[in-house]
Amino acid sequence: MSEKFSFDIVSEVNIMEIDNAVNQARKELLNRFDFKGSKSSIELNKSEKKIILTADNEHKMKALRDILEGRLIKRSISIKSFNYKTQEKAFDGCVRQIIEIISELPSDKIRELIKIVKNSKIKVQSQIDGSKIRVISDKKDSLQKVISYLKQISFSLPLQFTNYR
């Protein structure tokens, strides 16, 4: 019997890196002249995996998002890991935006990825394992081809390839 090789496709984010990026964004917010005397804030809710932005107006909300996204990118966190909800009115004429942190592959994205792997015509098997996809093959070369193929496509979530064996 031939030996089987495999790897897992996951979409994970490091919540500690997000926490560090949010803390850096808060420090920048305190030092920015255009935010002096503002009610703007950035809050991270780790348990609910949400970031809450509050700003005085639309213009400051855009600047707040830019600050946060800049800090996230510097810490190598993909912006694709975030789901921006619509802005809503908050207290005293302020606006609030909730950003959900996507920390695993949703079932619809898992099915979409499996379809992409099958359509690649590379001879591998893929199976769902909770919130990850296990790709199995007799040849390591086939697994390498799948990884490089998935890196080339533009997928809506950041993908990582783990447990390569």
N, C-alpha and C. Protein backbone atom coordinates (compact mmCIF):
# COMPACT_ATOMS: atom_id res chain seq x y z
N MET A 1 0.84 -1.19 0.00
CA MET A 1 0.00 0.00 0.00
C MET A 1 0.88 1.24 0.00
N SER A 2 0.51 2.21 -0.82
CA SER A 2 1.32 3.42 -0.94
C SER A 2 1.07 4.36 0.24
N GLU A 3 2.07 5.18 0.52
CA GLU A 3 1.98 6.13 1.60
C GLU A 3 1.14 7.34 1.17
N LYS A 4 0.30 7.83 2.07
CA LYS A 4 -0.55 8.99 1.78
C LYS A 4 0.06 10.24 2.42
N PHE A 5 -0.01 11.34 1.69
CA PHE A 5 0.46 12.62 2.19
C PHE A 5 -0.74 13.55 2.27
N SER A 6 -0.68 14.53 3.17
CA SER A 6 -1.82 15.43 3.32
C SER A 6 -1.40 16.79 3.88
N PHE A 7 -2.31 17.74 3.76
CA PHE A 7 -2.20 19.03 4.43
C PHE A 7 -3.61 19.55 4.66
N ASP A 8 -3.73 20.55 5.54
CA ASP A 8 -5.02 21.15 5.85
C ASP A 8 -5.08 22.58 5.31
N ILE A 9 -6.24 22.95 4.80
CA ILE A 9 -6.50 24.33 4.38
C ILE A 9 -7.35 24.97 5.48
N VAL A 10 -6.84 26.05 6.06
CA VAL A 10 -7.54 26.74 7.13
C VAL A 10 -7.53 28.25 6.85
N SER A 11 -8.34 28.97 7.58
CA SER A 11 -8.33 30.43 7.56
C SER A 11 -8.37 30.88 9.01
N GLU A 12 -7.19 31.20 9.55
CA GLU A 12 -7.10 31.57 10.96
C GLU A 12 -6.45 32.94 11.10
N VAL A 13 -6.75 33.60 12.19
CA VAL A 13 -6.09 34.86 12.53
C VAL A 13 -5.57 34.76 13.96
N ASN A 14 -4.49 35.44 14.20
CA ASN A 14 -3.90 35.48 15.53
C ASN A 14 -4.53 36.64 16.30
N ILE A 15 -5.37 36.33 17.27
CA ILE A 15 -6.11 37.36 18.01
C ILE A 15 -5.16 38.25 18.80
N MET A 16 -4.02 37.71 19.22
CA MET A 16 -3.05 38.54 19.95
C MET A 16 -2.43 39.60 19.04
N GLU A 17 -2.18 39.24 17.77
CA GLU A 17 -1.66 40.21 16.82
C GLU A 17 -2.71 41.29 16.54
N ILE A 18 -3.97 40.89 16.46
CA ILE A 18 -5.04 41.88 16.27
C ILE A 18 -5.10 42.81 17.48
N ASP A 19 -4.97 42.25 18.68
CA ASP A 19 -4.96 43.05 19.91
C ASP A 19 -3.81 44.06 19.88
N ASN A 20 -2.64 43.61 19.46
CA ASN A 20 -1.49 44.51 19.37
C ASN A 20 -1.74 45.63 18.35
N ALA A 21 -2.32 45.26 17.21
CA ALA A 21 -2.61 46.26 16.17
C ALA A 21 -3.64 47.29 16.67
N VAL A 22 -4.68 46.81 17.38
CA VAL A 22 -5.70 47.72 17.92
C VAL A 22 -5.07 48.66 18.95
N ASN A 23 -4.18 48.14 19.81
CA ASN A 23 -3.51 48.99 20.80
C ASN A 23 -2.64 50.04 20.13
N GLN A 24 -1.93 49.66 19.07
CA GLN A 24 -1.12 50.63 18.34
C GLN A 24 -2.00 51.69 17.67
N ALA A 25 -3.14 51.27 17.12
CA ALA A 25 -4.06 52.21 16.48
C ALA A 25 -4.62 53.19 17.51
N ARG A 26 -4.91 52.70 18.73
CA ARG A 26 -5.40 53.59 19.79
C ARG A 26 -4.36 54.65 20.13
N LYS A 27 -3.10 54.22 20.24
CA LYS A 27 -2.02 55.18 20.55
C LYS A 27 -1.91 56.23 19.45
N GLU A 28 -2.00 55.80 18.20
CA GLU A 28 -1.94 56.76 17.10
C GLU A 28 -3.13 57.71 17.16
N LEU A 29 -4.29 57.19 17.51
CA LEU A 29 -5.50 57.99 17.61
C LEU A 29 -5.33 59.11 18.64
N LEU A 30 -4.68 58.79 19.76
CA LEU A 30 -4.45 59.79 20.81
C LEU A 30 -3.49 60.88 20.36
N ASN A 31 -2.56 60.54 19.48
CA ASN A 31 -1.54 61.50 19.05
C ASN A 31 -1.92 62.30 17.80
N ARG A 32 -2.98 61.91 17.12
CA ARG A 32 -3.35 62.59 15.88
C ARG A 32 -4.05 63.92 16.19
N PHE A 33 -3.58 64.97 15.52
CA PHE A 33 -4.14 66.30 15.75
C PHE A 33 -5.60 66.37 15.32
N ASP A 34 -5.96 65.71 14.22
CA ASP A 34 -7.33 65.79 13.72
C ASP A 34 -8.34 65.05 14.61
N PHE A 35 -7.84 64.29 15.62
CA PHE A 35 -8.74 63.58 16.53
C PHE A 35 -8.72 64.18 17.94
N LYS A 36 -8.07 65.34 18.13
CA LYS A 36 -8.05 65.99 19.45
C LYS A 36 -9.46 66.42 19.82
N GLY A 37 -9.89 66.05 21.03
CA GLY A 37 -11.21 66.42 21.50
C GLY A 37 -12.33 65.61 20.86
N SER A 38 -11.99 64.57 20.14
CA SER A 38 -12.98 63.75 19.45
C SER A 38 -13.48 62.63 20.36
N LYS A 39 -14.67 62.14 20.07
CA LYS A 39 -15.22 61.00 20.81
C LYS A 39 -14.88 59.67 20.13
N SER A 40 -14.01 59.71 19.16
CA SER A 40 -13.65 58.53 18.38
C SER A 40 -12.93 57.49 19.24
N SER A 41 -13.22 56.21 18.96
CA SER A 41 -12.57 55.14 19.73
C SER A 41 -12.52 53.85 18.91
N ILE A 42 -11.59 52.99 19.32
CA ILE A 42 -11.45 51.65 18.74
C ILE A 42 -11.47 50.67 19.89
N GLU A 43 -12.41 49.74 19.86
CA GLU A 43 -12.54 48.74 20.93
C GLU A 43 -12.48 47.34 20.33
N LEU A 44 -11.77 46.45 21.02
CA LEU A 44 -11.70 45.04 20.61
C LEU A 44 -12.43 44.20 21.64
N ASN A 45 -13.40 43.41 21.17
CA ASN A 45 -14.10 42.46 22.02
C ASN A 45 -13.60 41.07 21.62
N LYS A 46 -12.65 40.54 22.40
CA LYS A 46 -12.02 39.26 22.06
C LYS A 46 -13.00 38.10 22.13
N SER A 47 -13.89 38.11 23.12
CA SER A 47 -14.81 36.98 23.28
C SER A 47 -15.80 36.88 22.13
N GLU A 48 -16.29 38.02 21.62
CA GLU A 48 -17.23 38.01 20.49
C GLU A 48 -16.52 38.13 19.15
N LYS A 49 -15.19 38.31 19.18
CA LYS A 49 -14.37 38.47 17.98
C LYS A 49 -14.91 39.61 17.11
N LYS A 50 -14.96 40.80 17.72
CA LYS A 50 -15.45 41.99 17.03
C LYS A 50 -14.57 43.19 17.38
N ILE A 51 -14.44 44.09 16.42
CA ILE A 51 -13.81 45.38 16.64
C ILE A 51 -14.90 46.43 16.44
N ILE A 52 -15.02 47.35 17.38
CA ILE A 52 -16.06 48.38 17.31
C ILE A 52 -15.39 49.74 17.13
N LEU A 53 -15.71 50.39 16.02
CA LEU A 53 -15.19 51.73 15.73
C LEU A 53 -16.30 52.74 15.98
N THR A 54 -15.96 53.80 16.70
CA THR A 54 -16.91 54.90 16.93
C THR A 54 -16.22 56.19 16.52
N ALA A 55 -16.90 56.99 15.73
CA ALA A 55 -16.32 58.25 15.25
C ALA A 55 -17.38 59.35 15.26
N ASP A 56 -16.90 60.60 15.23
CA ASP A 56 -17.80 61.76 15.26
C ASP A 56 -18.62 61.90 13.98
N ASN A 57 -18.02 61.55 12.83
CA ASN A 57 -18.71 61.69 11.56
C ASN A 57 -18.11 60.71 10.54
N GLU A 58 -18.66 60.75 9.32
CA GLU A 58 -18.23 59.83 8.26
C GLU A 58 -16.74 60.02 7.92
N HIS A 59 -16.31 61.26 7.87
CA HIS A 59 -14.91 61.56 7.52
C HIS A 59 -13.95 60.96 8.55
N LYS A 60 -14.27 61.14 9.81
CA LYS A 60 -13.41 60.58 10.86
C LYS A 60 -13.50 59.06 10.90
N MET A 61 -14.64 58.50 10.54
CA MET A 61 -14.78 57.04 10.48
C MET A 61 -13.83 56.47 9.43
N LYS A 62 -13.76 57.12 8.28
CA LYS A 62 -12.86 56.66 7.23
C LYS A 62 -11.41 56.74 7.70
N ALA A 63 -11.06 57.83 8.36
CA ALA A 63 -9.69 57.99 8.88
C ALA A 63 -9.40 56.92 9.95
N LEU A 64 -10.39 56.61 10.77
CA LEU A 64 -10.24 55.59 11.81
C LEU A 64 -10.01 54.21 11.20
N ARG A 65 -10.78 53.89 10.15
CA ARG A 65 -10.58 52.61 9.44
C ARG A 65 -9.18 52.55 8.82
N ASP A 66 -8.74 53.67 8.24
CA ASP A 66 -7.41 53.72 7.63
C ASP A 66 -6.32 53.48 8.66
N ILE A 67 -6.45 54.09 9.84
CA ILE A 67 -5.47 53.89 10.91
C ILE A 67 -5.43 52.41 11.30
N LEU A 68 -6.60 51.84 11.54
CA LEU A 68 -6.67 50.44 11.97
C LEU A 68 -6.12 49.51 10.90
N GLU A 69 -6.55 49.69 9.66
CA GLU A 69 -6.09 48.81 8.58
C GLU A 69 -4.58 48.92 8.37
N GLY A 70 -4.03 50.12 8.52
CA GLY A 70 -2.59 50.30 8.40
C GLY A 70 -1.85 49.51 9.45
N ARG A 71 -2.34 49.55 10.67
CA ARG A 71 -1.71 48.80 11.77
C ARG A 71 -1.85 47.30 11.58
N LEU A 72 -3.00 46.86 11.08
CA LEU A 72 -3.21 45.43 10.83
C LEU A 72 -2.27 44.92 9.74
N ILE A 73 -2.13 45.70 8.67
CA ILE A 73 -1.26 45.30 7.56
C ILE A 73 0.19 45.24 8.01
N LYS A 74 0.62 46.19 8.84
CA LYS A 74 1.99 46.17 9.35
C LYS A 74 2.27 44.93 10.19
N ARG A 75 1.24 44.36 10.80
CA ARG A 75 1.40 43.15 11.61
C ARG A 75 1.07 41.89 10.81
N SER A 76 1.04 42.02 9.50
CA SER A 76 0.81 40.90 8.56
C SER A 76 -0.53 40.20 8.78
N ILE A 77 -1.56 40.99 9.07
CA ILE A 77 -2.91 40.44 9.22
C ILE A 77 -3.69 40.87 7.98
N SER A 78 -4.24 39.89 7.28
CA SER A 78 -4.98 40.17 6.05
C SER A 78 -6.30 40.87 6.35
N ILE A 79 -6.60 41.90 5.56
CA ILE A 79 -7.86 42.62 5.70
C ILE A 79 -9.03 41.73 5.30
N LYS A 80 -8.75 40.68 4.54
CA LYS A 80 -9.81 39.73 4.14
C LYS A 80 -10.39 39.00 5.35
N SER A 81 -9.71 39.04 6.48
CA SER A 81 -10.17 38.35 7.69
C SER A 81 -11.27 39.12 8.42
N PHE A 82 -11.72 40.24 7.86
CA PHE A 82 -12.68 41.08 8.54
C PHE A 82 -13.93 41.30 7.70
N ASN A 83 -15.07 41.27 8.37
CA ASN A 83 -16.36 41.50 7.74
C ASN A 83 -16.90 42.82 8.28
N TYR A 84 -16.89 43.85 7.43
CA TYR A 84 -17.35 45.18 7.84
C TYR A 84 -18.87 45.24 7.76
N LYS A 85 -19.51 45.49 8.89
CA LYS A 85 -20.96 45.68 8.92
C LYS A 85 -21.28 47.12 8.52
N THR A 86 -22.55 47.38 8.22
CA THR A 86 -22.93 48.73 7.83
C THR A 86 -22.84 49.68 9.02
N GLN A 87 -22.54 50.93 8.72
CA GLN A 87 -22.44 51.94 9.78
C GLN A 87 -23.82 52.23 10.34
N GLU A 88 -23.84 52.54 11.63
CA GLU A 88 -25.11 52.86 12.28
C GLU A 88 -24.93 54.11 13.13
N LYS A 89 -26.02 54.74 13.43
CA LYS A 89 -25.98 55.93 14.29
C LYS A 89 -25.70 55.49 15.72
N ALA A 90 -24.91 56.30 16.42
CA ALA A 90 -24.61 56.04 17.82
C ALA A 90 -25.05 57.26 18.64
N PHE A 91 -24.53 57.41 19.81
CA PHE A 91 -24.88 58.52 20.69
C PHE A 91 -24.38 59.86 20.16
N ASP A 92 -25.06 60.94 20.49
CA ASP A 92 -24.65 62.33 20.16
C ASP A 92 -24.25 62.54 18.71
N GLY A 93 -24.94 61.92 17.78
CA GLY A 93 -24.66 62.14 16.36
C GLY A 93 -23.42 61.41 15.85
N CYS A 94 -22.82 60.58 16.67
CA CYS A 94 -21.66 59.80 16.24
C CYS A 94 -22.11 58.63 15.37
N VAL A 95 -21.15 58.04 14.68
CA VAL A 95 -21.43 56.84 13.89
C VAL A 95 -20.59 55.68 14.45
N ARG A 96 -21.14 54.49 14.33
CA ARG A 96 -20.48 53.29 14.84
C ARG A 96 -20.43 52.25 13.73
N GLN A 97 -19.32 51.52 13.69
CA GLN A 97 -19.20 50.42 12.74
C GLN A 97 -18.62 49.22 13.47
N ILE A 98 -19.26 48.08 13.26
CA ILE A 98 -18.78 46.83 13.87
C ILE A 98 -18.07 46.03 12.79
N ILE A 99 -16.89 45.52 13.15
CA ILE A 99 -16.10 44.71 12.24
C ILE A 99 -15.98 43.32 12.87
N GLU A 100 -16.54 42.32 12.18
CA GLU A 100 -16.44 40.94 12.68
C GLU A 100 -15.13 40.33 12.23
N ILE A 101 -14.49 39.59 13.13
CA ILE A 101 -13.24 38.90 12.81
C ILE A 101 -13.60 37.48 12.38
N ILE A 102 -13.22 37.13 11.16
CA ILE A 102 -13.50 35.79 10.63
C ILE A 102 -12.29 34.92 10.96
N SER A 103 -12.51 33.96 11.86
CA SER A 103 -11.37 33.17 12.34
C SER A 103 -11.44 31.70 11.95
N GLU A 104 -12.37 31.35 11.09
CA GLU A 104 -12.43 29.98 10.57
C GLU A 104 -13.18 29.99 9.24
N LEU A 105 -13.05 28.89 8.52
CA LEU A 105 -13.74 28.80 7.23
C LEU A 105 -15.22 28.51 7.44
N PRO A 106 -16.12 29.37 6.96
CA PRO A 106 -17.55 29.06 7.03
C PRO A 106 -17.89 27.92 6.06
N SER A 107 -18.97 27.23 6.31
CA SER A 107 -19.31 26.03 5.52
C SER A 107 -19.49 26.35 4.04
N ASP A 108 -20.05 27.51 3.70
CA ASP A 108 -20.22 27.84 2.28
C ASP A 108 -18.87 28.06 1.59
N LYS A 109 -17.90 28.63 2.30
CA LYS A 109 -16.56 28.83 1.75
C LYS A 109 -15.81 27.49 1.64
N ILE A 110 -16.09 26.57 2.56
CA ILE A 110 -15.48 25.23 2.48
C ILE A 110 -15.94 24.54 1.21
N ARG A 111 -17.24 24.57 0.94
CA ARG A 111 -17.76 23.95 -0.29
C ARG A 111 -17.18 24.60 -1.53
N GLU A 112 -17.06 25.92 -1.49
CA GLU A 112 -16.49 26.65 -2.62
C GLU A 112 -15.03 26.25 -2.86
N LEU A 113 -14.27 26.10 -1.79
CA LEU A 113 -12.86 25.69 -1.91
C LEU A 113 -12.73 24.26 -2.45
N ILE A 114 -13.58 23.37 -1.97
CA ILE A 114 -13.53 21.98 -2.45
C ILE A 114 -13.84 21.95 -3.95
N LYS A 115 -14.79 22.76 -4.37
CA LYS A 115 -15.12 22.84 -5.80
C LYS A 115 -13.93 23.37 -6.60
N ILE A 116 -13.24 24.37 -6.07
CA ILE A 116 -12.06 24.93 -6.74
C ILE A 116 -10.97 23.88 -6.87
N VAL A 117 -10.74 23.11 -5.80
CA VAL A 117 -9.71 22.06 -5.84
C VAL A 117 -10.09 20.99 -6.87
N LYS A 118 -11.36 20.59 -6.90
CA LYS A 118 -11.79 19.58 -7.88
C LYS A 118 -11.67 20.10 -9.31
N ASN A 119 -12.01 21.36 -9.52
CA ASN A 119 -11.93 21.95 -10.86
C ASN A 119 -10.49 22.17 -11.33
N SER A 120 -9.54 22.09 -10.42
CA SER A 120 -8.13 22.26 -10.79
C SER A 120 -7.60 21.05 -11.55
N LYS A 121 -8.33 19.93 -11.53
CA LYS A 121 -7.97 18.69 -12.23
C LYS A 121 -6.67 18.07 -11.71
N ILE A 122 -6.24 18.44 -10.50
CA ILE A 122 -5.08 17.82 -9.86
C ILE A 122 -5.59 16.61 -9.10
N LYS A 123 -4.90 15.49 -9.23
CA LYS A 123 -5.38 14.24 -8.65
C LYS A 123 -5.13 14.21 -7.14
N VAL A 124 -6.09 14.77 -6.40
CA VAL A 124 -6.06 14.76 -4.94
C VAL A 124 -7.48 14.50 -4.43
N GLN A 125 -7.55 14.09 -3.18
CA GLN A 125 -8.85 13.94 -2.53
C GLN A 125 -8.96 15.04 -1.48
N SER A 126 -10.15 15.59 -1.33
CA SER A 126 -10.36 16.59 -0.30
C SER A 126 -11.56 16.20 0.54
N GLN A 127 -11.43 16.43 1.85
CA GLN A 127 -12.53 16.10 2.74
C GLN A 127 -12.66 17.18 3.81
N ILE A 128 -13.89 17.37 4.28
CA ILE A 128 -14.17 18.38 5.30
C ILE A 128 -13.85 17.79 6.66
N ASP A 129 -13.12 18.57 7.46
CA ASP A 129 -12.76 18.15 8.81
C ASP A 129 -13.05 19.34 9.75
N GLY A 130 -14.30 19.46 10.16
CA GLY A 130 -14.70 20.59 11.01
C GLY A 130 -14.70 21.88 10.21
N SER A 131 -13.85 22.83 10.61
CA SER A 131 -13.76 24.11 9.90
C SER A 131 -12.49 24.18 9.05
N LYS A 132 -12.00 23.02 8.64
CA LYS A 132 -10.83 22.98 7.76
C LYS A 132 -11.05 21.91 6.69
N ILE A 133 -10.20 21.96 5.68
CA ILE A 133 -10.28 21.00 4.59
C ILE A 133 -8.98 20.21 4.58
N ARG A 134 -9.07 18.90 4.59
CA ARG A 134 -7.88 18.06 4.48
C ARG A 134 -7.75 17.61 3.03
N VAL A 135 -6.58 17.85 2.45
CA VAL A 135 -6.28 17.45 1.08
C VAL A 135 -5.29 16.30 1.16
N ILE A 136 -5.63 15.19 0.48
CA ILE A 136 -4.85 13.96 0.57
C ILE A 136 -4.43 13.52 -0.83
N SER A 137 -3.19 12.99 -0.93
CA SER A 137 -2.70 12.49 -2.20
C SER A 137 -1.60 11.46 -1.96
N ASP A 138 -1.34 10.65 -3.00
CA ASP A 138 -0.24 9.69 -2.95
C ASP A 138 1.09 10.37 -3.24
N LYS A 139 1.04 11.55 -3.86
CA LYS A 139 2.25 12.24 -4.29
C LYS A 139 2.35 13.62 -3.64
N LYS A 140 3.52 13.91 -3.13
CA LYS A 140 3.75 15.24 -2.54
C LYS A 140 3.67 16.33 -3.61
N ASP A 141 4.09 15.98 -4.82
CA ASP A 141 4.05 16.95 -5.92
C ASP A 141 2.62 17.45 -6.16
N SER A 142 1.65 16.55 -6.07
CA SER A 142 0.26 16.94 -6.28
C SER A 142 -0.19 17.93 -5.21
N LEU A 143 0.24 17.68 -3.98
CA LEU A 143 -0.12 18.60 -2.89
C LEU A 143 0.52 19.97 -3.12
N GLN A 144 1.78 19.96 -3.56
CA GLN A 144 2.46 21.23 -3.85
C GLN A 144 1.73 22.00 -4.96
N LYS A 145 1.25 21.27 -5.96
CA LYS A 145 0.51 21.91 -7.05
C LYS A 145 -0.78 22.55 -6.55
N VAL A 146 -1.48 21.86 -5.64
CA VAL A 146 -2.72 22.40 -5.09
C VAL A 146 -2.43 23.68 -4.30
N ILE A 147 -1.38 23.64 -3.48
CA ILE A 147 -1.02 24.82 -2.68
C ILE A 147 -0.69 26.00 -3.60
N SER A 148 0.14 25.77 -4.61
CA SER A 148 0.50 26.87 -5.51
C SER A 148 -0.71 27.36 -6.31
N TYR A 149 -1.59 26.43 -6.69
CA TYR A 149 -2.81 26.81 -7.41
C TYR A 149 -3.69 27.71 -6.53
N LEU A 150 -3.88 27.33 -5.26
CA LEU A 150 -4.73 28.11 -4.36
C LEU A 150 -4.10 29.47 -4.03
N LYS A 151 -2.78 29.53 -4.02
CA LYS A 151 -2.11 30.81 -3.77
C LYS A 151 -2.30 31.77 -4.94
N GLN A 152 -2.46 31.24 -6.14
CA GLN A 152 -2.62 32.08 -7.33
C GLN A 152 -4.01 32.69 -7.45
N ILE A 153 -5.03 31.96 -6.99
CA ILE A 153 -6.39 32.48 -7.13
C ILE A 153 -6.64 33.57 -6.10
N SER A 154 -7.62 34.41 -6.39
CA SER A 154 -8.01 35.46 -5.45
C SER A 154 -9.23 34.96 -4.68
N PHE A 155 -9.00 34.45 -3.48
CA PHE A 155 -10.10 33.93 -2.67
C PHE A 155 -10.53 35.01 -1.67
N SER A 156 -11.79 34.97 -1.25
CA SER A 156 -12.34 36.03 -0.41
C SER A 156 -11.84 36.00 1.03
N LEU A 157 -11.18 34.92 1.45
CA LEU A 157 -10.61 34.81 2.79
C LEU A 157 -9.13 34.48 2.68
N PRO A 158 -8.33 34.86 3.68
CA PRO A 158 -6.93 34.46 3.65
C PRO A 158 -6.82 32.96 3.95
N LEU A 159 -5.98 32.27 3.22
CA LEU A 159 -5.83 30.82 3.40
C LEU A 159 -4.45 30.51 3.94
N GLN A 160 -4.39 29.55 4.87
CA GLN A 160 -3.12 29.01 5.35
C GLN A 160 -3.13 27.52 5.12
N PHE A 161 -1.93 26.98 4.95
CA PHE A 161 -1.78 25.55 4.69
C PHE A 161 -0.98 24.96 5.83
N THR A 162 -1.62 24.09 6.63
CA THR A 162 -0.98 23.58 7.84
C THR A 162 -0.92 22.05 7.81
N ASN A 163 -0.22 21.50 8.79
CA ASN A 163 -0.10 20.05 8.98
C ASN A 163 0.34 19.32 7.71
N TYR A 164 1.30 19.89 7.02
CA TYR A 164 1.80 19.24 5.80
C TYR A 164 2.62 18.03 6.20
N ARG A 165 2.16 16.85 5.78
CA ARG A 165 2.92 15.63 6.10
C ARG A 165 2.80 14.62 4.98
